[in-house]
Amino acid sequence: MLRALVLSSAVALTFRIAAHQLAPKEQVWAGEAWGAPPPATPRAVASTHAASLTVGGRSALPNTTVAGHAVPNNTTATAASKVGSPSMHTPGVPYHTRIFLSGEPRVSVVESLPVGDFSLAPLPNSTSTAAALIALMDSAVYQLDICAMYWNLLGLADHAIFSPEQMTKFGADRGVAVFAALERAIHRGVVVRVIGSSAPSFAPAELAPLALTLRLWDSDYWYGGGIMHQKLVLVDERHAYVGSANMDWKSLAQVMEVGVLVESSPVVVQDMQRLFELWWVWADPTSPAQLPVPVDTFVERFQAVLRLPPWSPLVSAAQATPTPFNATALASVFNKDNQMTAMWNGERSLVFVTAAPDAATARARTFDEDGLIYTIESAKKSICLSVMDFVPFSTFPIDSHPTGSIYWPALTDALLAVVFARPVTIKLLISHWAHTSVVMVEALKHLEAAAETCPQVGLKCRGSLQVRLMEVPGWDAAPPTWPPYSRVNHAKYIVTDQRANVGTSNMEWGYFYNTAGTSLNTDNTDVMDALQKIFDRNWDSSYAHPLRAYYF
């Protein structure tokens, strides 16, 4: 969401790391309260860092004071609740409950809903993003890997603007609770690795005291723009989260987010692990010296000079080099044409994991753009798409093409092709908030007009396309009434009558061609059903308005 140009080079900040002594993978701890420490693992904890210990059901980490405001340590233990506890999902109710990771292969949709001045209810028996992240971190036995654009779980800068009472009202304790779960994992001796962006917005100050290893991917060096925008949490090669939520308390309490929680699914998570390992190698601070240097090349498809890694499929044969990421530990053997099979929730499900930009596919994994198009083209009755930004061109400058935009009709062409040819109902739910571009609204008008033109000429269209813009109450008062960069629907997913795609990228050229992203694509009916219900709830709400209401 806070996408920015990358201005600094990759840096690896290596802090104290606990000894990596493997423990049984099947050991999953789910304690009775957030503040309770996990049982000792079968190895000594070698870390000597200052992560919080737990004393009397409350973290011993003192409150942090910023500009006279204390960051409250709201991790006091209360009775645990199973998944589906109504209190866990009620806006404004403290997240002092725990979900339990299953020992069976499961998949579920998790979401965040804004706290305060918001009337939409979560799905029955659903799980919040905060509860899912805490369960993942508390279940970690030996390894926790995270991709995140930036970190703002403690909201230090926000405490400089708002009082403790306001932060409590906003639900900031959810970020504190997730951070405490990360500390608990480190204290148990879990090896934690984090990949972030070298952009100034990454701001890893929260992580500095922790015993973890941090690498920052320098998209500016490789692409002349872009960002690390992937949101991925992997635990012991068994459990995972992928979705739209940043490691920001606002993504847990003030922004609408959607993600997928994967439990006890080693084949699927190991495939995600290969993607993480690829990025870990690519973000190595020595990688510019170890890998082929990027090239500036004219790409006929986009009529622009692009800076690209020479192993990108877009590079001409004369300049191309083989992918350096073809090792077994880095390259997937699964894609849309060779999908994994998972027995999720007792149902045989097909699934694959995508990557962007295309240089991260190792020429084997499905490119993220292709995964979205595959989802659109497979629909027979309906396509429901929800994303913050949707435009058929680039909106962020790049060094190799500093003036002019780049036309990118991939998704609009796929949608219109379906509308013209098949009886498919298409609904696009796009966000309108303080940072919405007028240009995007104009582009959506053209898309809707193109779909409306079809029935009027020649052979009649068989499908239909509608666009609505969704506004979260308070979007035009963030700040001063609400925190900055909040009160928005930040989810990124497509659900059809055939399958679903839950991702990390907005739908704009740069998110696929110079920005790190991923998505999980599946035909699991539980995932499809949950996403459809979430979409219908939002689409039918008073917060969603026809695009024509925004014609200027």
Protein backbone atom coordinates (compact mmCIF):
# COMPACT_ATOMS: atom_id res chain seq x y z
CA MET A 1 0.00 0.00 0.00
CA LEU A 2 2.79 2.40 0.87
CA ARG A 3 4.44 1.59 -2.44
CA ALA A 4 7.45 3.83 -3.10
CA LEU A 5 10.42 4.08 -5.40
CA VAL A 6 13.43 2.18 -4.17
CA LEU A 7 16.24 4.61 -3.47
CA SER A 8 18.90 2.70 -1.61
CA SER A 9 20.98 -0.41 -2.29
CA ALA A 10 20.45 -3.81 -0.74
CA VAL A 11 21.72 -4.20 2.79
CA ALA A 12 21.72 -7.29 4.94
CA LEU A 13 21.39 -6.60 8.62
CA THR A 14 22.41 -9.72 10.48
CA PHE A 15 21.53 -9.70 14.14
CA ARG A 16 22.13 -12.35 16.77
CA ILE A 17 20.72 -15.66 15.57
CA ALA A 18 19.71 -18.54 17.78
CA ALA A 19 21.33 -21.89 17.10
CA HIS A 20 19.43 -23.81 14.42
CA GLN A 21 18.89 -27.23 15.95
CA LEU A 22 16.01 -29.07 14.32
CA ALA A 23 13.04 -30.17 16.36
CA PRO A 24 10.26 -32.51 15.24
CA LYS A 25 8.28 -30.83 12.46
CA GLU A 26 5.00 -32.18 13.72
CA GLN A 27 5.35 -30.43 17.07
CA VAL A 28 2.77 -27.62 17.01
CA TRP A 29 2.15 -25.68 20.17
CA ALA A 30 -1.12 -23.92 20.73
CA GLY A 31 -1.21 -22.60 24.28
CA GLU A 32 -4.25 -21.55 26.24
CA ALA A 33 -3.58 -17.82 26.15
CA TRP A 34 -1.50 -15.33 24.27
CA GLY A 35 0.66 -14.49 27.25
CA ALA A 36 1.51 -18.08 28.16
CA PRO A 37 4.98 -19.31 27.16
CA PRO A 38 5.30 -22.38 24.96
CA PRO A 39 6.75 -25.59 26.34
CA ALA A 40 10.49 -25.96 26.05
CA THR A 41 11.70 -27.38 22.75
CA PRO A 42 14.14 -30.31 22.75
CA ARG A 43 17.11 -28.01 22.30
CA ALA A 44 18.85 -25.31 24.23
CA VAL A 45 18.02 -21.74 23.36
CA ALA A 46 21.30 -20.14 22.39
CA SER A 47 19.95 -16.64 21.94
CA THR A 48 21.04 -13.92 24.33
CA HIS A 49 18.93 -11.14 22.83
CA ALA A 50 16.50 -8.90 24.69
CA ALA A 51 13.26 -10.37 23.43
CA SER A 52 10.46 -10.33 25.99
CA LEU A 53 9.99 -13.11 28.49
CA THR A 54 6.54 -13.91 29.78
CA VAL A 55 5.84 -13.35 33.43
CA GLY A 56 2.44 -13.90 35.02
CA GLY A 57 0.62 -13.94 31.71
CA ARG A 58 2.08 -10.61 30.64
CA SER A 59 5.11 -9.82 28.54
CA ALA A 60 8.05 -8.54 30.52
CA LEU A 61 8.95 -6.18 27.68
CA PRO A 62 8.39 -2.69 29.09
CA ASN A 63 6.06 -0.25 27.41
CA THR A 64 7.75 1.79 24.69
CA THR A 65 7.48 5.55 25.05
CA VAL A 66 7.44 7.72 21.94
CA ALA A 67 6.82 11.45 22.10
CA GLY A 68 5.37 11.08 25.56
CA HIS A 69 2.98 8.28 24.60
CA ALA A 70 3.43 4.74 25.88
CA VAL A 71 3.04 1.87 23.45
CA PRO A 72 0.73 -0.36 25.51
CA ASN A 73 1.71 -3.96 26.04
CA ASN A 74 -1.74 -5.44 25.58
CA THR A 75 -0.86 -9.11 25.61
CA THR A 76 -2.47 -9.99 28.94
CA ALA A 77 -3.74 -13.57 28.89
CA THR A 78 -7.40 -14.50 29.01
CA ALA A 79 -9.23 -17.70 28.27
CA ALA A 80 -8.51 -19.18 24.88
CA SER A 81 -11.12 -19.58 22.18
CA LYS A 82 -11.32 -22.02 19.35
CA VAL A 83 -11.80 -20.88 15.78
CA GLY A 84 -15.28 -19.48 15.48
CA SER A 85 -15.50 -17.78 18.86
CA PRO A 86 -17.81 -14.81 18.21
CA SER A 87 -15.83 -12.57 20.54
CA MET A 88 -12.70 -13.07 18.47
CA HIS A 89 -14.30 -11.37 15.49
CA THR A 90 -16.23 -8.52 17.09
CA PRO A 91 -14.73 -5.13 16.17
CA GLY A 92 -13.46 -3.41 19.27
CA VAL A 93 -13.15 -6.59 21.33
CA PRO A 94 -9.51 -7.19 22.36
CA TYR A 95 -7.84 -10.00 20.46
CA HIS A 96 -7.09 -11.96 23.61
CA THR A 97 -8.05 -15.26 22.06
CA ARG A 98 -6.16 -17.93 20.19
CA ILE A 99 -6.92 -20.13 17.24
CA PHE A 100 -5.45 -23.62 17.10
CA LEU A 101 -3.57 -24.85 14.07
CA SER A 102 -4.86 -28.20 12.95
CA GLY A 103 -2.74 -31.29 12.60
CA GLU A 104 -4.75 -32.04 9.47
CA PRO A 105 -4.17 -30.39 6.08
CA ARG A 106 -6.46 -27.39 6.02
CA VAL A 107 -6.94 -24.13 4.17
CA SER A 108 -9.06 -21.15 5.21
CA VAL A 109 -9.65 -17.57 4.21
CA VAL A 110 -8.70 -14.98 6.84
CA GLU A 111 -9.49 -11.28 6.80
CA SER A 112 -9.10 -7.97 8.61
CA LEU A 113 -11.98 -5.56 9.09
CA PRO A 114 -11.60 -1.96 10.32
CA VAL A 115 -12.26 -1.26 13.99
CA GLY A 116 -14.67 1.61 14.60
CA ASP A 117 -17.35 3.17 12.36
CA PHE A 118 -17.71 0.01 10.28
CA SER A 119 -20.82 -2.14 10.10
CA LEU A 120 -19.86 -5.16 7.97
CA ALA A 121 -19.53 -8.40 9.93
CA PRO A 122 -16.98 -11.15 9.37
CA LEU A 123 -18.12 -14.51 8.09
CA PRO A 124 -19.36 -16.93 10.77
CA ASN A 125 -16.60 -19.13 12.18
CA SER A 126 -13.95 -17.14 10.33
CA THR A 127 -10.49 -16.13 11.52
CA SER A 128 -8.91 -12.70 11.72
CA THR A 129 -5.55 -11.93 10.12
CA ALA A 130 -4.09 -11.11 13.53
CA ALA A 131 -5.19 -14.42 15.06
CA ALA A 132 -3.82 -16.34 12.06
CA LEU A 133 -0.41 -14.65 12.23
CA ILE A 134 -0.14 -15.23 15.97
CA ALA A 135 -1.07 -18.90 15.58
CA LEU A 136 1.58 -19.31 12.89
CA MET A 137 4.32 -17.66 14.92
CA ASP A 138 3.41 -19.52 18.10
CA SER A 139 3.44 -22.84 16.24
CA ALA A 140 6.99 -22.36 14.90
CA VAL A 141 9.42 -24.97 16.18
CA TYR A 142 12.61 -24.32 14.25
CA GLN A 143 12.07 -21.94 11.30
CA LEU A 144 10.03 -18.83 10.57
CA ASP A 145 10.47 -17.03 7.23
CA ILE A 146 8.71 -13.75 6.43
CA CYS A 147 8.49 -11.54 3.34
CA ALA A 148 7.18 -8.08 4.19
CA MET A 149 7.42 -4.71 2.53
CA TYR A 150 7.82 -2.83 5.83
CA TRP A 151 7.20 -3.20 9.58
CA ASN A 152 4.89 -1.07 11.70
CA LEU A 153 3.37 -3.52 14.17
CA LEU A 154 4.16 -1.33 17.19
CA GLY A 155 3.01 1.87 15.50
CA LEU A 156 5.81 3.98 16.93
CA ALA A 157 5.25 6.83 14.48
CA ASP A 158 1.50 6.64 15.01
CA HIS A 159 1.97 6.99 18.77
CA ALA A 160 3.66 10.31 18.06
CA ILE A 161 0.40 11.53 16.49
CA PHE A 162 -2.34 9.85 18.51
CA SER A 163 -2.86 9.41 22.24
CA PRO A 164 -2.75 5.98 23.93
CA GLU A 165 -6.52 6.12 24.27
CA GLN A 166 -6.92 6.75 20.55
CA MET A 167 -4.52 3.96 19.64
CA THR A 168 -6.44 1.56 21.86
CA LYS A 169 -9.67 2.65 20.19
CA PHE A 170 -8.09 2.02 16.78
CA GLY A 171 -7.17 -1.56 17.74
CA ALA A 172 -3.40 -1.04 17.78
CA ASP A 173 -3.04 -3.79 20.41
CA ARG A 174 -3.37 -6.34 17.60
CA GLY A 175 -0.05 -5.28 16.14
CA VAL A 176 1.57 -5.41 19.57
CA ALA A 177 0.23 -8.94 20.04
CA VAL A 178 1.62 -10.15 16.70
CA PHE A 179 4.99 -8.59 17.53
CA ALA A 180 4.94 -10.35 20.90
CA ALA A 181 4.33 -13.67 19.13
CA LEU A 182 7.38 -13.00 16.96
CA GLU A 183 9.41 -12.32 20.10
CA ARG A 184 8.20 -15.54 21.69
CA ALA A 185 9.30 -17.51 18.64
CA ILE A 186 12.77 -15.99 18.78
CA HIS A 187 13.00 -16.64 22.51
CA ARG A 188 12.24 -20.32 21.88
CA GLY A 189 15.24 -20.45 19.55
CA VAL A 190 13.31 -20.40 16.29
CA VAL A 191 15.49 -19.17 13.44
CA VAL A 192 13.78 -16.15 11.88
CA ARG A 193 14.62 -14.76 8.45
CA VAL A 194 13.01 -11.65 7.00
CA ILE A 195 13.11 -10.29 3.45
CA GLY A 196 12.11 -6.68 2.96
CA SER A 197 12.54 -3.81 0.59
CA SER A 198 15.48 -1.45 0.46
CA ALA A 199 13.02 1.42 0.03
CA PRO A 200 12.99 4.11 2.75
CA SER A 201 9.44 3.06 3.69
CA PHE A 202 10.72 -0.32 4.91
CA ALA A 203 12.03 1.22 8.16
CA PRO A 204 13.25 -1.91 10.00
CA ALA A 205 13.70 -0.08 13.33
CA GLU A 206 11.23 -2.42 15.07
CA LEU A 207 13.36 -5.42 14.15
CA ALA A 208 16.72 -4.05 15.29
CA PRO A 209 16.58 -5.48 18.85
CA LEU A 210 15.51 -8.93 17.66
CA ALA A 211 17.65 -11.97 16.96
CA LEU A 212 16.88 -12.47 13.31
CA THR A 213 18.48 -12.12 9.90
CA LEU A 214 17.19 -9.41 7.59
CA ARG A 215 17.88 -9.00 3.88
CA LEU A 216 16.62 -6.13 1.76
CA TRP A 217 15.93 -6.70 -1.94
CA ASP A 218 17.17 -3.85 -4.14
CA SER A 219 14.62 -3.62 -6.94
CA ASP A 220 16.06 -0.26 -7.97
CA TYR A 221 19.36 -1.90 -8.94
CA TRP A 222 17.66 -4.66 -10.92
CA TYR A 223 14.72 -2.76 -12.43
CA GLY A 224 15.18 0.96 -11.86
CA GLY A 225 12.01 0.95 -9.77
CA GLY A 226 9.65 -1.36 -7.95
CA ILE A 227 9.42 -2.69 -4.42
CA MET A 228 9.36 -5.88 -2.32
CA HIS A 229 5.58 -6.14 -2.03
CA GLN A 230 5.23 -9.84 -1.25
CA LYS A 231 3.41 -10.76 1.97
CA LEU A 232 4.35 -14.29 2.94
CA VAL A 233 4.80 -16.11 6.27
CA LEU A 234 6.21 -19.66 6.27
CA VAL A 235 6.55 -21.92 9.31
CA ASP A 236 8.59 -25.14 9.49
CA GLU A 237 7.76 -25.97 5.85
CA ARG A 238 4.26 -26.94 7.06
CA HIS A 239 2.14 -23.84 7.63
CA ALA A 240 1.83 -20.56 5.73
CA TYR A 241 0.02 -17.27 5.20
CA VAL A 242 -0.20 -15.43 1.90
CA GLY A 243 -2.38 -12.40 1.32
CA SER A 244 -2.69 -8.65 1.20
CA ALA A 245 -1.81 -7.76 4.82
CA ASN A 246 1.40 -5.89 5.57
CA MET A 247 3.27 -6.27 8.87
CA ASP A 248 1.48 -3.18 10.08
CA TRP A 249 -0.98 -2.88 12.95
CA LYS A 250 -3.25 -0.96 10.58
CA SER A 251 -3.44 -4.03 8.32
CA LEU A 252 -4.82 -5.87 11.35
CA ALA A 253 -7.24 -3.24 12.65
CA GLN A 254 -7.86 -0.34 10.25
CA VAL A 255 -7.65 -1.80 6.74
CA MET A 256 -9.69 -4.45 4.96
CA GLU A 257 -7.38 -7.37 4.10
CA VAL A 258 -7.85 -10.89 2.75
CA GLY A 259 -5.43 -13.80 2.89
CA VAL A 260 -5.19 -17.56 3.01
CA LEU A 261 -4.03 -19.63 6.00
CA VAL A 262 -2.51 -22.97 5.00
CA GLU A 263 -2.08 -25.61 7.72
CA SER A 264 -0.16 -28.90 7.81
CA SER A 265 0.43 -28.94 4.05
CA PRO A 266 4.12 -29.69 3.50
CA VAL A 267 3.96 -30.11 -0.29
CA VAL A 268 2.31 -26.72 -0.83
CA VAL A 269 4.36 -24.91 1.79
CA GLN A 270 7.62 -26.43 0.55
CA ASP A 271 6.79 -25.00 -2.87
CA MET A 272 6.32 -21.59 -1.23
CA GLN A 273 9.60 -22.21 0.58
CA ARG A 274 11.39 -22.58 -2.76
CA LEU A 275 10.08 -19.16 -3.72
CA PHE A 276 11.30 -17.69 -0.43
CA GLU A 277 14.73 -19.27 -0.90
CA LEU A 278 14.94 -17.77 -4.39
CA TRP A 279 14.26 -14.33 -2.96
CA TRP A 280 16.69 -14.98 -0.11
CA VAL A 281 19.47 -15.63 -2.62
CA TRP A 282 18.44 -12.69 -4.78
CA ALA A 283 18.36 -10.35 -1.76
CA ASP A 284 21.84 -11.41 -0.63
CA PRO A 285 23.89 -8.18 -0.43
CA THR A 286 26.61 -9.89 -2.45
CA SER A 287 24.20 -10.83 -5.26
CA PRO A 288 25.09 -7.84 -7.49
CA ALA A 289 28.64 -9.16 -7.55
CA GLN A 290 27.61 -12.81 -7.93
CA LEU A 291 24.80 -12.54 -10.50
CA PRO A 292 24.81 -11.21 -14.08
CA VAL A 293 24.39 -7.43 -14.20
CA PRO A 294 21.05 -5.97 -15.32
CA VAL A 295 20.68 -4.75 -18.89
CA ASP A 296 18.71 -1.92 -20.46
CA THR A 297 16.80 -3.36 -23.39
CA PHE A 298 14.01 -2.19 -25.67
CA VAL A 299 10.93 -4.37 -25.17
CA GLU A 300 8.79 -4.22 -28.28
CA ARG A 301 5.69 -5.39 -26.47
CA PHE A 302 5.76 -2.32 -24.22
CA GLN A 303 7.50 0.07 -26.66
CA ALA A 304 9.88 1.12 -23.92
CA VAL A 305 13.42 0.59 -22.70
CA LEU A 306 13.33 -1.51 -19.55
CA ARG A 307 16.08 -2.33 -17.08
CA LEU A 308 15.91 -6.07 -16.49
CA PRO A 309 17.88 -8.95 -15.04
CA PRO A 310 19.38 -10.66 -18.11
CA TRP A 311 17.59 -13.92 -17.26
CA SER A 312 14.17 -12.26 -17.63
CA PRO A 313 12.09 -13.78 -20.45
CA LEU A 314 11.66 -10.24 -21.79
CA VAL A 315 15.36 -9.89 -22.61
CA SER A 316 16.38 -10.53 -26.21
CA ALA A 317 18.32 -13.67 -27.03
CA ALA A 318 21.42 -11.62 -27.76
CA GLN A 319 21.50 -10.25 -24.19
CA ALA A 320 19.93 -13.16 -22.31
CA THR A 321 21.63 -15.37 -19.74
CA PRO A 322 20.32 -18.58 -18.12
CA THR A 323 18.39 -18.18 -14.90
CA PRO A 324 20.68 -18.44 -11.87
CA PHE A 325 17.79 -19.84 -9.84
CA ASN A 326 17.41 -23.29 -11.39
CA ALA A 327 18.66 -25.22 -8.36
CA THR A 328 16.17 -27.70 -6.91
CA ALA A 329 15.87 -25.68 -3.71
CA LEU A 330 14.83 -22.56 -5.66
CA ALA A 331 12.85 -23.65 -8.72
CA SER A 332 9.30 -24.97 -8.59
CA VAL A 333 8.21 -28.01 -10.55
CA PHE A 334 4.57 -26.92 -10.20
CA ASN A 335 2.61 -24.41 -12.26
CA LYS A 336 -0.83 -23.91 -13.81
CA ASP A 337 -0.18 -26.80 -16.20
CA ASN A 338 1.19 -29.10 -13.50
CA GLN A 339 -0.65 -28.26 -10.30
CA MET A 340 -0.12 -29.64 -6.83
CA THR A 341 -2.78 -31.80 -5.21
CA ALA A 342 -3.74 -31.02 -1.62
CA MET A 343 -6.31 -32.82 0.54
CA TRP A 344 -7.61 -29.60 2.08
CA ASN A 345 -10.53 -29.81 4.49
CA GLY A 346 -11.14 -33.35 3.29
CA GLU A 347 -11.40 -32.27 -0.35
CA ARG A 348 -8.99 -33.03 -3.16
CA SER A 349 -7.86 -29.60 -4.34
CA LEU A 350 -5.59 -28.39 -7.11
CA VAL A 351 -3.25 -25.53 -6.28
CA PHE A 352 -0.28 -23.61 -7.62
CA VAL A 353 1.73 -20.64 -6.39
CA THR A 354 2.77 -17.81 -8.71
CA ALA A 355 5.60 -15.28 -8.71
CA ALA A 356 6.35 -11.81 -10.04
CA PRO A 357 8.30 -10.38 -11.69
CA ASP A 358 8.91 -13.02 -14.34
CA ALA A 359 12.62 -13.28 -13.45
CA ALA A 360 11.48 -14.85 -10.15
CA THR A 361 9.71 -17.73 -11.90
CA ALA A 362 12.98 -19.49 -12.81
CA ARG A 363 11.17 -20.18 -16.11
CA ALA A 364 9.10 -22.89 -14.40
CA ARG A 365 6.74 -21.34 -11.84
CA THR A 366 3.67 -19.59 -13.25
CA PHE A 367 4.09 -15.84 -13.72
CA ASP A 368 1.64 -13.96 -11.47
CA GLU A 369 -0.01 -12.16 -14.39
CA ASP A 370 -0.59 -15.48 -16.13
CA GLY A 371 -2.15 -16.88 -12.96
CA LEU A 372 -4.71 -14.08 -12.91
CA ILE A 373 -5.51 -14.50 -16.60
CA TYR A 374 -5.84 -18.27 -16.12
CA THR A 375 -8.38 -17.64 -13.36
CA ILE A 376 -10.36 -15.21 -15.53
CA GLU A 377 -10.35 -17.41 -18.61
CA SER A 378 -11.42 -20.53 -16.71
CA ALA A 379 -14.69 -18.95 -15.53
CA LYS A 380 -17.96 -20.29 -16.91
CA LYS A 381 -20.57 -18.24 -15.03
CA SER A 382 -19.08 -15.49 -12.86
CA ILE A 383 -15.91 -13.50 -12.17
CA CYS A 384 -15.65 -11.35 -9.04
CA LEU A 385 -12.48 -9.30 -8.70
CA SER A 386 -11.54 -7.19 -5.67
CA VAL A 387 -8.40 -5.06 -5.60
CA MET A 388 -7.28 -1.65 -4.37
CA ASP A 389 -5.94 -0.35 -7.71
CA PHE A 390 -6.83 -1.49 -11.23
CA VAL A 391 -5.34 0.30 -14.26
CA PRO A 392 -4.19 -0.93 -17.71
CA PHE A 393 -0.91 0.99 -17.62
CA SER A 394 2.01 1.94 -15.40
CA THR A 395 1.61 4.68 -12.80
CA PHE A 396 5.09 4.73 -11.24
CA PRO A 397 8.19 6.01 -13.07
CA ILE A 398 11.22 3.83 -13.73
CA ASP A 399 14.78 4.93 -14.37
CA SER A 400 15.02 3.48 -17.87
CA HIS A 401 11.70 5.04 -18.95
CA PRO A 402 11.36 8.21 -16.84
CA THR A 403 8.77 9.92 -19.04
CA GLY A 404 5.66 8.41 -20.51
CA SER A 405 3.62 5.49 -19.30
CA ILE A 406 3.57 1.81 -20.31
CA TYR A 407 0.39 0.35 -21.73
CA TRP A 408 -0.64 -2.94 -20.10
CA PRO A 409 -3.95 -4.36 -21.36
CA ALA A 410 -3.38 -7.93 -20.17
CA LEU A 411 -6.18 -8.08 -17.59
CA THR A 412 -8.63 -5.76 -19.35
CA ASP A 413 -8.24 -7.75 -22.57
CA ALA A 414 -8.86 -11.01 -20.70
CA LEU A 415 -11.99 -9.62 -19.05
CA LEU A 416 -13.40 -8.14 -22.27
CA ALA A 417 -12.67 -11.33 -24.21
CA VAL A 418 -14.83 -13.24 -21.73
CA VAL A 419 -17.61 -10.61 -21.83
CA PHE A 420 -17.76 -10.69 -25.63
CA ALA A 421 -17.68 -14.46 -26.00
CA ARG A 422 -19.39 -16.14 -23.04
CA PRO A 423 -22.41 -15.67 -20.73
CA VAL A 424 -20.27 -14.68 -17.76
CA THR A 425 -21.20 -12.01 -15.22
CA ILE A 426 -18.16 -9.94 -14.24
CA LYS A 427 -18.03 -7.67 -11.20
CA LEU A 428 -15.05 -5.47 -10.32
CA LEU A 429 -14.89 -4.00 -6.80
CA ILE A 430 -12.15 -1.37 -6.74
CA SER A 431 -11.18 0.84 -3.80
CA HIS A 432 -11.79 4.55 -3.49
CA TRP A 433 -9.86 6.29 -0.72
CA ALA A 434 -7.61 9.25 0.02
CA HIS A 435 -4.94 8.09 -2.45
CA THR A 436 -7.12 7.03 -5.38
CA SER A 437 -6.00 8.49 -8.70
CA VAL A 438 -8.52 10.26 -10.91
CA VAL A 439 -6.77 8.56 -13.83
CA MET A 440 -7.80 5.16 -12.46
CA VAL A 441 -11.44 6.18 -12.35
CA GLU A 442 -11.18 7.34 -15.97
CA ALA A 443 -9.61 4.04 -17.01
CA LEU A 444 -12.40 2.10 -15.31
CA LYS A 445 -14.97 4.21 -17.15
CA HIS A 446 -13.37 3.20 -20.45
CA LEU A 447 -13.40 -0.47 -19.45
CA GLU A 448 -17.05 -0.37 -18.48
CA ALA A 449 -17.89 1.54 -21.68
CA ALA A 450 -16.10 -1.06 -23.82
CA ALA A 451 -18.19 -3.80 -22.24
CA GLU A 452 -21.36 -1.77 -22.80
CA THR A 453 -20.51 -1.12 -26.45
CA CYS A 454 -20.50 -4.78 -27.39
CA PRO A 455 -24.28 -5.42 -27.31
CA GLN A 456 -24.89 -2.44 -29.60
CA VAL A 457 -22.93 -3.54 -32.67
CA GLY A 458 -22.65 -6.69 -34.75
CA LEU A 459 -23.11 -9.95 -32.89
CA LYS A 460 -24.49 -9.46 -29.40
CA CYS A 461 -22.28 -9.94 -26.35
CA ARG A 462 -23.20 -12.77 -24.05
CA GLY A 463 -21.64 -11.50 -20.82
CA SER A 464 -21.77 -8.36 -18.68
CA LEU A 465 -19.30 -6.24 -16.72
CA GLN A 466 -20.01 -3.91 -13.81
CA VAL A 467 -17.66 -1.76 -11.72
CA ARG A 468 -18.25 -0.45 -8.23
CA LEU A 469 -15.95 1.60 -6.03
CA MET A 470 -15.80 0.78 -2.33
CA GLU A 471 -15.29 3.39 0.37
CA VAL A 472 -14.54 2.53 3.99
CA PRO A 473 -16.13 5.10 6.33
CA GLY A 474 -13.54 7.65 7.42
CA TRP A 475 -11.44 7.28 4.25
CA ASP A 476 -11.57 11.06 3.75
CA ALA A 477 -10.47 11.75 7.35
CA ALA A 478 -7.33 9.62 7.54
CA PRO A 479 -5.74 11.66 9.02
CA PRO A 480 -6.71 13.55 11.21
CA THR A 481 -9.55 11.43 12.64
CA TRP A 482 -8.05 8.10 11.59
CA PRO A 483 -4.44 6.97 11.12
CA PRO A 484 -2.78 7.77 7.78
CA TYR A 485 -2.85 5.13 5.06
CA SER A 486 -5.88 3.40 6.56
CA ARG A 487 -9.63 3.02 6.01
CA VAL A 488 -9.36 1.24 2.67
CA ASN A 489 -10.19 -2.13 1.12
CA HIS A 490 -6.67 -3.43 0.45
CA ALA A 491 -7.65 -7.01 -0.53
CA LYS A 492 -6.41 -8.53 -3.82
CA TYR A 493 -8.29 -11.56 -5.06
CA ILE A 494 -10.33 -13.04 -7.89
CA VAL A 495 -13.02 -15.65 -7.33
CA THR A 496 -14.95 -17.36 -10.12
CA ASP A 497 -17.33 -20.28 -10.29
CA GLN A 498 -14.30 -22.47 -11.07
CA ARG A 499 -11.40 -21.32 -8.88
CA ALA A 500 -9.86 -18.52 -6.81
CA ASN A 501 -6.66 -16.48 -6.78
CA VAL A 502 -5.54 -14.70 -3.59
CA GLY A 503 -2.53 -12.47 -4.07
CA THR A 504 -0.32 -9.67 -2.85
CA SER A 505 -0.30 -7.36 -5.89
CA ASN A 506 -2.41 -4.46 -7.03
CA MET A 507 -3.37 -4.68 -10.69
CA GLU A 508 -1.03 -2.19 -12.33
CA TRP A 509 1.91 -2.83 -14.70
CA GLY A 510 4.70 -2.29 -12.18
CA TYR A 511 3.34 -4.81 -9.68
CA PHE A 512 3.99 -7.56 -12.21
CA TYR A 513 7.10 -6.35 -14.03
CA ASN A 514 9.40 -4.82 -11.38
CA THR A 515 7.78 -5.59 -8.03
CA ALA A 516 7.99 -8.76 -5.94
CA GLY A 517 4.61 -10.44 -5.57
CA THR A 518 2.93 -13.81 -5.37
CA SER A 519 -0.49 -15.45 -5.22
CA LEU A 520 -2.08 -18.75 -4.31
CA ASN A 521 -4.41 -20.20 -6.92
CA THR A 522 -6.78 -23.08 -6.14
CA ASP A 523 -10.09 -24.74 -6.97
CA ASN A 524 -10.79 -25.56 -3.31
CA THR A 525 -14.52 -25.03 -2.77
CA ASP A 526 -14.17 -23.77 0.82
CA VAL A 527 -11.81 -21.02 -0.34
CA MET A 528 -14.05 -20.14 -3.28
CA ASP A 529 -17.16 -20.10 -1.08
CA ALA A 530 -15.59 -17.88 1.59
CA LEU A 531 -14.21 -15.41 -0.96
CA GLN A 532 -17.55 -15.26 -2.77
CA LYS A 533 -19.38 -14.52 0.48
CA ILE A 534 -16.86 -11.81 1.38
CA PHE A 535 -17.17 -10.29 -2.08
CA ASP A 536 -20.99 -10.38 -2.06
CA ARG A 537 -21.10 -8.84 1.43
CA ASN A 538 -18.91 -5.97 0.27
CA TRP A 539 -20.55 -5.55 -3.15
CA ASP A 540 -24.06 -5.41 -1.70
CA SER A 541 -23.12 -3.05 1.14
CA SER A 542 -23.81 0.67 1.35
CA TYR A 543 -20.04 1.19 1.06
CA ALA A 544 -19.95 0.09 -2.61
CA HIS A 545 -21.08 2.64 -5.19
CA PRO A 546 -21.66 2.33 -8.95
CA LEU A 547 -18.83 3.75 -11.00
CA ARG A 548 -21.21 6.26 -12.59
CA ALA A 549 -21.47 8.02 -9.24
CA TYR A 550 -17.86 9.15 -9.77
CA TYR A 551 -18.24 10.56 -13.28
CA PHE A 552 -16.88 14.07 -13.29
